[in-house]
């Protein structure tokens, strides 16, 4: 390993070294050492770091059996070799779901302290990518009318204002949303503690169940708003509401708040937020939402709830980091992989903030191809500093302002510039 650092390495993956300053700022190494429960001199945290960087590259794996070798990639992870599938399998299988959850909570608390979560609005949603497991599992329809297939079940919680993931979890394909959501919200509450008053959770109609609504109301610090099913009997009930109970908000839009107890609920009544759209009676159509507290319907339905779609945008832009497919339903392995992808996303988010436009809005694959694989250069050691030199990099002035003289910039932020997984060497960048 020391000899490789002494040799000059030239490659096309040197763009990944831009993540190192973000790892130092984020505390990625300490998080990985805590997850593996091994000291910094051991190999296990370095294997985990390889998984983080594989996720950043949006690949299933870049290991030896896939006949791809990248000189420089292994050095970035503090390794003299690429870890094989067997070593990675044992690493992930040796760590439980509970350990992955503790890692997510520790990461989330760091991001919360850094101001990356507002904590006022959370959006939750299940994500069901295809699974290639050979086990006998419950089959699910990915889309209405599609053929049932094997899927993995992932459950995500995002901050609706900052659009950043707070936590995620996994379950077998038979686990229901009602069973999974309490655990997901418990993790979110531990990360965001102390919560702002009246923190709201926005969910889709898949979360509409009396058991779940009662649990959120009685056992969590959150309020919940969830759509109610549109049925002919419900439409008739809305049309029977006296017009004076609706409050006109603007032309063609009015709201009403009614008491409502879902069938099977033991903790109601709750509030039904009804919105009526259309100016004349023959144009009216209705939508309704159940809220566990009496909220301003205009604020809840027109400002907050539409942000729920940020979770769909998140899946489209970032699922390539490691949430697009599932090769196994070993929950220890999948949860570990998902959590490493969450670490990668956190570092990449901070990198986007420094690079600005247009990188801020590139999806994960575009950024991997355009930056992490798209920059050419070399890596060499000069005294106690690893110097990464980029040739003909785009936005050279922007990159230079952020990364040249990096040890001084990190020290000014009260971040130790020495890289613990690379013998305490520092890192600096040059742009030619």
Foldseek 3Di string as FASTA:
>chain_A
DVVLQADKFWALQCLLVLLQVLCLVLVVLVLLCQLLVHDLVDCLSLLLVLLLVCLLLLDPAQAPVVVHDTSPSSVSSLHPHGDDPVVLVVSLLVGDLVSLLVSLLVSLLSCVVVVLAPQQEKEKDKDWAAEQAPDDADFDDPDPPRDTHHTWIKMWIARLPNLATSDMATDTPPDACLRPVVVVQVSSPSSCPVHDQAREYEYEQSQDDQSSQQCCLPPHRYKYKYWDDDDPVVFVVVLPPPPVQWDDDDAFKTWHWDFPHDPPHDDDGWIKIKMWGDHDPVGTDIIIMTIRHDDDSCCVPPPRNVSNCSVVVCCVQNCSSPNNYHHYVPRSSNSSSVSSSSVSVSSVCVVCVLLDPPSNPHGSNCCSVCRSSNWIWMWHDDVQEIETETEPRPPQVSCCVCFAVPCVVCVVVVRHQFDSSNVRGGYGYHYD
